[in-house]
Amino acid sequence: MIEFTIPDMTCGHCVSAISEALTAVDENCEIEFDLLNHQITVNSHNTPQQLINALTEAGYPPTISDN
């Protein structure tokens, strides 16, 4: 599992777009959203860089969280 901070994630539409972007690269990924803290936790077989690329292409550039 990897945790990302996504500062631009602010609403339900963002959650939907992020889900769509990540499931496009791994249809079996599991995503937990913390909208209040702008964080997601992703369980995926893809590399962190592949997930970062998908999120960035969708307009939600992330950083890997320190937590």
PDB file of N, CA and C in Angstrom:
ATOM      1  N   MET A   1       0.841  -1.183   0.000  1.00  0.00           N
ATOM      2  CA  MET A   1       0.000   0.000   0.000  1.00  0.00           C
ATOM      3  C   MET A   1       0.881   1.240   0.000  1.00  0.00           C
ATOM      4  N   ILE A   2       0.407   2.241  -0.686  1.00  0.00           N
ATOM      5  CA  ILE A   2       1.139   3.505  -0.751  1.00  0.00           C
ATOM      6  C   ILE A   2       0.167   4.647  -0.478  1.00  0.00           C
ATOM      7  N   GLU A   3       0.642   5.628   0.244  1.00  0.00           N
ATOM      8  CA  GLU A   3      -0.194   6.766   0.599  1.00  0.00           C
ATOM      9  C   GLU A   3       0.279   8.004  -0.154  1.00  0.00           C
ATOM     10  N   PHE A   4      -0.682   8.677  -0.778  1.00  0.00           N
ATOM     11  CA  PHE A   4      -0.396   9.895  -1.524  1.00  0.00           C
ATOM     12  C   PHE A   4      -1.141  11.070  -0.907  1.00  0.00           C
ATOM     13  N   THR A   5      -0.547  12.237  -1.000  1.00  0.00           N
ATOM     14  CA  THR A   5      -1.232  13.487  -0.699  1.00  0.00           C
ATOM     15  C   THR A   5      -1.551  14.150  -2.033  1.00  0.00           C
ATOM     16  N   ILE A   6      -2.807  14.560  -2.182  1.00  0.00           N
ATOM     17  CA  ILE A   6      -3.259  15.197  -3.422  1.00  0.00           C
ATOM     18  C   ILE A   6      -3.926  16.520  -3.043  1.00  0.00           C
ATOM     19  N   PRO A   7      -3.161  17.610  -3.033  1.00  0.00           N
ATOM     20  CA  PRO A   7      -3.700  18.901  -2.584  1.00  0.00           C
ATOM     21  C   PRO A   7      -4.936  19.365  -3.350  1.00  0.00           C
ATOM     22  N   ASP A   8      -5.035  19.023  -4.632  1.00  0.00           N
ATOM     23  CA  ASP A   8      -6.155  19.488  -5.453  1.00  0.00           C
ATOM     24  C   ASP A   8      -7.420  18.646  -5.294  1.00  0.00           C
ATOM     25  N   MET A   9      -7.398  17.609  -4.474  1.00  0.00           N
ATOM     26  CA  MET A   9      -8.573  16.768  -4.252  1.00  0.00           C
ATOM     27  C   MET A   9      -9.452  17.437  -3.195  1.00  0.00           C
ATOM     28  N   THR A  10     -10.585  17.997  -3.637  1.00  0.00           N
ATOM     29  CA  THR A  10     -11.412  18.782  -2.723  1.00  0.00           C
ATOM     30  C   THR A  10     -12.890  18.393  -2.693  1.00  0.00           C
ATOM     31  N   CYS A  11     -13.321  17.504  -3.587  1.00  0.00           N
ATOM     32  CA  CYS A  11     -14.757  17.230  -3.661  1.00  0.00           C
ATOM     33  C   CYS A  11     -15.028  15.826  -4.203  1.00  0.00           C
ATOM     34  N   GLY A  12     -16.289  15.489  -4.254  1.00  0.00           N
ATOM     35  CA  GLY A  12     -16.697  14.190  -4.761  1.00  0.00           C
ATOM     36  C   GLY A  12     -16.335  13.968  -6.218  1.00  0.00           C
ATOM     37  N   HIS A  13     -16.374  15.030  -7.015  1.00  0.00           N
ATOM     38  CA  HIS A  13     -15.967  14.905  -8.417  1.00  0.00           C
ATOM     39  C   HIS A  13     -14.499  14.507  -8.503  1.00  0.00           C
ATOM     40  N   CYS A  14     -13.678  15.094  -7.651  1.00  0.00           N
ATOM     41  CA  CYS A  14     -12.246  14.754  -7.621  1.00  0.00           C
ATOM     42  C   CYS A  14     -12.068  13.270  -7.291  1.00  0.00           C
ATOM     43  N   VAL A  15     -12.802  12.804  -6.304  1.00  0.00           N
ATOM     44  CA  VAL A  15     -12.726  11.397  -5.901  1.00  0.00           C
ATOM     45  C   VAL A  15     -13.080  10.497  -7.077  1.00  0.00           C
ATOM     46  N   SER A  16     -14.132  10.854  -7.801  1.00  0.00           N
ATOM     47  CA  SER A  16     -14.556  10.064  -8.957  1.00  0.00           C
ATOM     48  C   SER A  16     -13.488  10.054 -10.047  1.00  0.00           C
ATOM     49  N   ALA A  17     -12.914  11.215 -10.337  1.00  0.00           N
ATOM     50  CA  ALA A  17     -11.887  11.312 -11.380  1.00  0.00           C
ATOM     51  C   ALA A  17     -10.632  10.537 -10.992  1.00  0.00           C
ATOM     52  N   ILE A  18     -10.262  10.606  -9.732  1.00  0.00           N
ATOM     53  CA  ILE A  18      -9.083   9.882  -9.245  1.00  0.00           C
ATOM     54  C   ILE A  18      -9.328   8.379  -9.309  1.00  0.00           C
ATOM     55  N   SER A  19     -10.507   7.943  -8.896  1.00  0.00           N
ATOM     56  CA  SER A  19     -10.854   6.518  -8.981  1.00  0.00           C
ATOM     57  C   SER A  19     -10.777   6.024 -10.415  1.00  0.00           C
ATOM     58  N   GLU A  20     -11.318   6.805 -11.325  1.00  0.00           N
ATOM     59  CA  GLU A  20     -11.315   6.431 -12.740  1.00  0.00           C
ATOM     60  C   GLU A  20      -9.890   6.337 -13.281  1.00  0.00           C
ATOM     61  N   ALA A  21      -9.045   7.295 -12.914  1.00  0.00           N
ATOM     62  CA  ALA A  21      -7.657   7.306 -13.395  1.00  0.00           C
ATOM     63  C   ALA A  21      -6.887   6.095 -12.886  1.00  0.00           C
ATOM     64  N   LEU A  22      -7.074   5.762 -11.618  1.00  0.00           N
ATOM     65  CA  LEU A  22      -6.321   4.646 -11.044  1.00  0.00           C
ATOM     66  C   LEU A  22      -6.844   3.294 -11.517  1.00  0.00           C
ATOM     67  N   THR A  23      -8.150   3.154 -11.643  1.00  0.00           N
ATOM     68  CA  THR A  23      -8.684   1.876 -12.118  1.00  0.00           C
ATOM     69  C   THR A  23      -8.404   1.672 -13.604  1.00  0.00           C
ATOM     70  N   ALA A  24      -8.097   2.740 -14.326  1.00  0.00           N
ATOM     71  CA  ALA A  24      -7.715   2.599 -15.736  1.00  0.00           C
ATOM     72  C   ALA A  24      -6.363   1.906 -15.873  1.00  0.00           C
ATOM     73  N   VAL A  25      -5.484   2.077 -14.889  1.00  0.00           N
ATOM     74  CA  VAL A  25      -4.172   1.426 -14.946  1.00  0.00           C
ATOM     75  C   VAL A  25      -4.136   0.129 -14.141  1.00  0.00           C
ATOM     76  N   ASP A  26      -5.081  -0.046 -13.210  1.00  0.00           N
ATOM     77  CA  ASP A  26      -5.180  -1.282 -12.427  1.00  0.00           C
ATOM     78  C   ASP A  26      -6.626  -1.444 -11.981  1.00  0.00           C
ATOM     79  N   GLU A  27      -7.386  -2.216 -12.752  1.00  0.00           N
ATOM     80  CA  GLU A  27      -8.820  -2.346 -12.464  1.00  0.00           C
ATOM     81  C   GLU A  27      -9.097  -3.008 -11.123  1.00  0.00           C
ATOM     82  N   ASN A  28      -8.107  -3.662 -10.542  1.00  0.00           N
ATOM     83  CA  ASN A  28      -8.302  -4.334  -9.257  1.00  0.00           C
ATOM     84  C   ASN A  28      -7.721  -3.565  -8.072  1.00  0.00           C
ATOM     85  N   CYS A  29      -7.288  -2.329  -8.307  1.00  0.00           N
ATOM     86  CA  CYS A  29      -6.690  -1.577  -7.201  1.00  0.00           C
ATOM     87  C   CYS A  29      -7.758  -1.229  -6.164  1.00  0.00           C
ATOM     88  N   GLU A  30      -7.309  -1.088  -4.932  1.00  0.00           N
ATOM     89  CA  GLU A  30      -8.179  -0.688  -3.830  1.00  0.00           C
ATOM     90  C   GLU A  30      -7.743   0.701  -3.387  1.00  0.00           C
ATOM     91  N   ILE A  31      -8.712   1.599  -3.241  1.00  0.00           N
ATOM     92  CA  ILE A  31      -8.406   2.991  -2.912  1.00  0.00           C
ATOM     93  C   ILE A  31      -9.220   3.402  -1.690  1.00  0.00           C
ATOM     94  N   GLU A  32      -8.545   3.991  -0.713  1.00  0.00           N
ATOM     95  CA  GLU A  32      -9.214   4.586   0.440  1.00  0.00           C
ATOM     96  C   GLU A  32      -8.996   6.089   0.363  1.00  0.00           C
ATOM     97  N   PHE A  33     -10.072   6.853   0.522  1.00  0.00           N
ATOM     98  CA  PHE A  33     -10.003   8.310   0.407  1.00  0.00           C
ATOM     99  C   PHE A  33     -10.152   8.979   1.764  1.00  0.00           C
ATOM    100  N   ASP A  34      -9.325   9.978   2.013  1.00  0.00           N
ATOM    101  CA  ASP A  34      -9.446  10.869   3.166  1.00  0.00           C
ATOM    102  C   ASP A  34      -9.536  12.278   2.584  1.00  0.00           C
ATOM    103  N   LEU A  35     -10.739  12.655   2.200  1.00  0.00           N
ATOM    104  CA  LEU A  35     -10.948  13.919   1.499  1.00  0.00           C
ATOM    105  C   LEU A  35     -10.552  15.111   2.364  1.00  0.00           C
ATOM    106  N   LEU A  36     -10.851  15.052   3.651  1.00  0.00           N
ATOM    107  CA  LEU A  36     -10.551  16.158   4.552  1.00  0.00           C
ATOM    108  C   LEU A  36      -9.060  16.476   4.598  1.00  0.00           C
ATOM    109  N   ASN A  37      -8.233  15.425   4.572  1.00  0.00           N
ATOM    110  CA  ASN A  37      -6.780  15.605   4.645  1.00  0.00           C
ATOM    111  C   ASN A  37      -6.095  15.508   3.285  1.00  0.00           C
ATOM    112  N   HIS A  38      -6.894  15.402   2.222  1.00  0.00           N
ATOM    113  CA  HIS A  38      -6.375  15.351   0.847  1.00  0.00           C
ATOM    114  C   HIS A  38      -5.425  14.169   0.643  1.00  0.00           C
ATOM    115  N   GLN A  39      -5.771  13.018   1.212  1.00  0.00           N
ATOM    116  CA  GLN A  39      -4.905  11.850   1.099  1.00  0.00           C
ATOM    117  C   GLN A  39      -5.679  10.648   0.569  1.00  0.00           C
ATOM    118  N   ILE A  40      -4.940   9.802  -0.147  1.00  0.00           N
ATOM    119  CA  ILE A  40      -5.485   8.516  -0.566  1.00  0.00           C
ATOM    120  C   ILE A  40      -4.470   7.430  -0.221  1.00  0.00           C
ATOM    121  N   THR A  41      -4.988   6.249   0.018  1.00  0.00           N
ATOM    122  CA  THR A  41      -4.155   5.071   0.207  1.00  0.00           C
ATOM    123  C   THR A  41      -4.536   4.097  -0.897  1.00  0.00           C
ATOM    124  N   VAL A  42      -3.526   3.611  -1.612  1.00  0.00           N
ATOM    125  CA  VAL A  42      -3.776   2.759  -2.771  1.00  0.00           C
ATOM    126  C   VAL A  42      -3.073   1.423  -2.590  1.00  0.00           C
ATOM    127  N   ASN A  43      -3.808   0.354  -2.811  1.00  0.00           N
ATOM    128  CA  ASN A  43      -3.247  -0.989  -2.847  1.00  0.00           C
ATOM    129  C   ASN A  43      -3.322  -1.428  -4.308  1.00  0.00           C
ATOM    130  N   SER A  44      -2.150  -1.538  -4.946  1.00  0.00           N
ATOM    131  CA  SER A  44      -2.101  -1.822  -6.380  1.00  0.00           C
ATOM    132  C   SER A  44      -0.859  -2.633  -6.706  1.00  0.00           C
ATOM    133  N   HIS A  45      -0.941  -3.359  -7.813  1.00  0.00           N
ATOM    134  CA  HIS A  45       0.221  -4.095  -8.299  1.00  0.00           C
ATOM    135  C   HIS A  45       1.135  -3.197  -9.131  1.00  0.00           C
ATOM    136  N   ASN A  46       0.676  -1.997  -9.441  1.00  0.00           N
ATOM    137  CA  ASN A  46       1.484  -1.058 -10.214  1.00  0.00           C
ATOM    138  C   ASN A  46       2.538  -0.407  -9.329  1.00  0.00           C
ATOM    139  N   THR A  47       3.572   0.124  -9.968  1.00  0.00           N
ATOM    140  CA  THR A  47       4.615   0.827  -9.227  1.00  0.00           C
ATOM    141  C   THR A  47       4.089   2.195  -8.791  1.00  0.00           C
ATOM    142  N   PRO A  48       4.682   2.752  -7.750  1.00  0.00           N
ATOM    143  CA  PRO A  48       4.281   4.109  -7.350  1.00  0.00           C
ATOM    144  C   PRO A  48       4.387   5.108  -8.501  1.00  0.00           C
ATOM    145  N   GLN A  49       5.422   4.995  -9.320  1.00  0.00           N
ATOM    146  CA  GLN A  49       5.581   5.940 -10.426  1.00  0.00           C
ATOM    147  C   GLN A  49       4.457   5.803 -11.444  1.00  0.00           C
ATOM    148  N   GLN A  50       3.993   4.580 -11.708  1.00  0.00           N
ATOM    149  CA  GLN A  50       2.872   4.393 -12.630  1.00  0.00           C
ATOM    150  C   GLN A  50       1.606   5.056 -12.079  1.00  0.00           C
ATOM    151  N   LEU A  51       1.406   4.951 -10.779  1.00  0.00           N
ATOM    152  CA  LEU A  51       0.240   5.577 -10.156  1.00  0.00           C
ATOM    153  C   LEU A  51       0.367   7.096 -10.188  1.00  0.00           C
ATOM    154  N   ILE A  52       1.562   7.598  -9.898  1.00  0.00           N
ATOM    155  CA  ILE A  52       1.812   9.043  -9.963  1.00  0.00           C
ATOM    156  C   ILE A  52       1.537   9.558 -11.373  1.00  0.00           C
ATOM    157  N   ASN A  53       2.005   8.833 -12.379  1.00  0.00           N
ATOM    158  CA  ASN A  53       1.778   9.239 -13.771  1.00  0.00           C
ATOM    159  C   ASN A  53       0.287   9.299 -14.091  1.00  0.00           C
ATOM    160  N   ALA A  54      -0.465   8.290 -13.665  1.00  0.00           N
ATOM    161  CA  ALA A  54      -1.905   8.253 -13.939  1.00  0.00           C
ATOM    162  C   ALA A  54      -2.618   9.416 -13.259  1.00  0.00           C
ATOM    163  N   LEU A  55      -2.256   9.686 -12.014  1.00  0.00           N
ATOM    164  CA  LEU A  55      -2.884  10.786 -11.283  1.00  0.00           C
ATOM    165  C   LEU A  55      -2.526  12.140 -11.892  1.00  0.00           C
ATOM    166  N   THR A  56      -1.277  12.297 -12.277  1.00  0.00           N
ATOM    167  CA  THR A  56      -0.829  13.558 -12.873  1.00  0.00           C
ATOM    168  C   THR A  56      -1.524  13.802 -14.203  1.00  0.00           C
ATOM    169  N   GLU A  57      -1.643  12.755 -15.025  1.00  0.00           N
ATOM    170  CA  GLU A  57      -2.329  12.880 -16.314  1.00  0.00           C
ATOM    171  C   GLU A  57      -3.801  13.240 -16.127  1.00  0.00           C
ATOM    172  N   ALA A  58      -4.389  12.812 -15.006  1.00  0.00           N
ATOM    173  CA  ALA A  58      -5.791  13.118 -14.725  1.00  0.00           C
ATOM    174  C   ALA A  58      -5.967  14.525 -14.146  1.00  0.00           C
ATOM    175  N   GLY A  59      -4.854  15.208 -13.875  1.00  0.00           N
ATOM    176  CA  GLY A  59      -4.934  16.568 -13.346  1.00  0.00           C
ATOM    177  C   GLY A  59      -4.820  16.664 -11.843  1.00  0.00           C
ATOM    178  N   TYR A  60      -4.382  15.581 -11.206  1.00  0.00           N
ATOM    179  CA  TYR A  60      -4.253  15.542  -9.749  1.00  0.00           C
ATOM    180  C   TYR A  60      -2.847  15.105  -9.353  1.00  0.00           C
ATOM    181  N   PRO A  61      -1.862  15.969  -9.559  1.00  0.00           N
ATOM    182  CA  PRO A  61      -0.479  15.572  -9.239  1.00  0.00           C
ATOM    183  C   PRO A  61      -0.311  15.309  -7.739  1.00  0.00           C
ATOM    184  N   PRO A  62       0.167  14.117  -7.390  1.00  0.00           N
ATOM    185  CA  PRO A  62       0.307  13.748  -5.979  1.00  0.00           C
ATOM    186  C   PRO A  62       1.749  13.853  -5.497  1.00  0.00           C
ATOM    187  N   THR A  63       1.887  13.772  -4.197  1.00  0.00           N
ATOM    188  CA  THR A  63       3.188  13.528  -3.583  1.00  0.00           C
ATOM    189  C   THR A  63       3.020  12.300  -2.702  1.00  0.00           C
ATOM    190  N   ILE A  64       4.093  11.569  -2.521  1.00  0.00           N
ATOM    191  CA  ILE A  64       4.038  10.409  -1.637  1.00  0.00           C
ATOM    192  C   ILE A  64       4.068  10.921  -0.209  1.00  0.00           C
ATOM    193  N   SER A  65       3.116  10.472   0.601  1.00  0.00           N
ATOM    194  CA  SER A  65       3.017  10.927   1.986  1.00  0.00           C
ATOM    195  C   SER A  65       4.102  10.305   2.834  1.00  0.00           C
ATOM    196  N   ASP A  66       4.525  11.040   3.842  1.00  0.00           N
ATOM    197  CA  ASP A  66       5.543  10.553   4.766  1.00  0.00           C
ATOM    198  C   ASP A  66       4.985   9.568   5.778  1.00  0.00           C
ATOM    199  N   ASN A  67       3.678   9.562   5.958  1.00  0.00           N
ATOM    200  CA  ASN A  67       3.064   8.728   7.010  1.00  0.00           C
ATOM    201  C   ASN A  67       3.231   7.276   6.702  1.00  0.00           C
TER     202      ASN A  67
END
